[in-house]
Amino acid sequence: MIDHVVIVKFSDSTTDEQMLEVCNKFKLLKGKIPGIIDVQAGRTFSVHHQGYQVMLTARFIDKASLENYGPHLEHRAVASFIREVGRVDSIVMDIEI
């Protein structure tokens, strides 16, 4: 299995509602993209966030499923929305478990 983790930093103009909508749109990817086992998303409450406000995680069956996820139209639509509402930076990590 593969865990895919993305933490996102948004601009000061990005609203709480927009960040919540990012989380909700991301969660809807389960069932739309083959190979996704689980999806989690939420806003941090940690004081150690270093400006990153949202964490998105997806668990995939295998590396091939992760590779198919990137160019999938549903994923690209969510990624586009994230940029549209003010993404400043993101960090991505993938691990095999």
Protein backbone atom coordinates (compact mmCIF):
# COMPACT_ATOMS: atom_id res chain seq x y z
CA MET A 1 0.00 0.00 0.00
CA ILE A 2 1.02 3.60 -0.61
CA ASP A 3 0.26 6.61 1.58
CA HIS A 4 0.23 9.94 -0.25
CA VAL A 5 0.36 13.01 2.02
CA VAL A 6 0.05 16.63 0.93
CA ILE A 7 0.23 19.61 3.26
CA VAL A 8 -0.86 22.94 1.81
CA LYS A 9 -0.12 26.54 2.69
CA PHE A 10 -2.69 29.07 1.50
CA SER A 11 -2.54 32.82 1.08
CA ASP A 12 -3.86 35.19 3.73
CA SER A 13 -6.83 35.91 1.45
CA THR A 14 -7.98 32.26 1.41
CA THR A 15 -11.04 31.91 3.64
CA ASP A 16 -11.83 29.17 6.14
CA GLU A 17 -14.79 28.22 3.96
CA GLN A 18 -12.54 27.79 0.92
CA MET A 19 -10.15 25.56 2.88
CA LEU A 20 -13.10 23.48 4.08
CA GLU A 21 -14.29 23.19 0.48
CA VAL A 22 -10.81 21.96 -0.54
CA CYS A 23 -11.08 19.24 2.10
CA ASN A 24 -14.59 18.27 1.01
CA LYS A 25 -13.68 18.13 -2.69
CA PHE A 26 -10.61 16.02 -1.91
CA LYS A 27 -12.64 13.55 0.17
CA LEU A 28 -14.96 13.00 -2.80
CA LEU A 29 -12.08 11.52 -4.81
CA LYS A 30 -12.60 8.19 -3.07
CA GLY A 31 -14.87 6.21 -5.33
CA LYS A 32 -14.07 8.37 -8.35
CA ILE A 33 -10.47 7.29 -8.89
CA PRO A 34 -9.55 3.60 -9.08
CA GLY A 35 -7.08 2.28 -6.54
CA ILE A 36 -7.90 4.67 -3.69
CA ILE A 37 -8.53 2.78 -0.45
CA ASP A 38 -9.04 5.72 1.89
CA VAL A 39 -8.99 9.53 1.89
CA GLN A 40 -8.64 11.96 4.80
CA ALA A 41 -8.52 15.75 4.82
CA GLY A 42 -8.66 18.50 7.38
CA ARG A 43 -7.37 21.74 8.84
CA THR A 44 -4.60 21.63 11.37
CA PHE A 45 -5.02 22.62 14.98
CA SER A 46 -1.31 22.23 15.73
CA VAL A 47 0.68 25.27 16.83
CA HIS A 48 3.67 23.80 14.94
CA HIS A 49 2.15 24.05 11.45
CA GLN A 50 4.71 26.56 10.08
CA GLY A 51 1.98 28.21 8.02
CA TYR A 52 0.60 25.02 6.44
CA GLN A 53 -3.12 24.88 7.15
CA VAL A 54 -4.51 21.80 5.38
CA MET A 55 -3.44 18.16 5.22
CA LEU A 56 -4.74 15.79 2.57
CA THR A 57 -3.97 12.06 2.65
CA ALA A 58 -4.87 9.25 0.29
CA ARG A 59 -4.08 5.56 0.63
CA PHE A 60 -3.61 3.59 -2.58
CA ILE A 61 -3.53 -0.10 -3.34
CA ASP A 62 -0.13 0.17 -5.05
CA LYS A 63 2.32 2.50 -6.81
CA ALA A 64 0.54 2.04 -10.15
CA SER A 65 -2.67 3.43 -8.61
CA LEU A 66 -0.76 6.47 -7.32
CA GLU A 67 0.77 7.01 -10.77
CA ASN A 68 -2.70 6.91 -12.37
CA TYR A 69 -4.05 9.33 -9.77
CA GLY A 70 -1.85 12.30 -10.77
CA PRO A 71 -3.17 12.78 -14.31
CA HIS A 72 -6.74 11.67 -13.51
CA LEU A 73 -9.27 14.38 -14.46
CA GLU A 74 -10.99 14.30 -11.05
CA HIS A 75 -7.66 14.84 -9.24
CA ARG A 76 -6.64 17.57 -11.66
CA ALA A 77 -9.93 19.41 -10.99
CA VAL A 78 -9.28 19.39 -7.22
CA ALA A 79 -5.66 20.47 -7.72
CA SER A 80 -6.86 23.32 -9.93
CA PHE A 81 -9.35 24.43 -7.27
CA ILE A 82 -6.59 24.40 -4.64
CA ARG A 83 -4.51 26.74 -6.82
CA GLU A 84 -7.56 28.88 -7.59
CA VAL A 85 -8.33 29.59 -3.92
CA GLY A 86 -4.79 30.67 -3.11
CA ARG A 87 -2.30 27.84 -2.75
CA VAL A 88 1.07 29.37 -1.88
CA ASP A 89 3.08 26.17 -1.34
CA SER A 90 2.66 22.48 -0.74
CA ILE A 91 4.76 19.56 0.41
CA VAL A 92 4.10 16.06 -0.91
CA MET A 93 5.33 12.81 0.60
CA ASP A 94 4.64 9.27 -0.57
CA ILE A 95 5.55 6.19 1.45
CA GLU A 96 5.11 2.49 0.94
CA ILE A 97 3.64 0.72 3.96
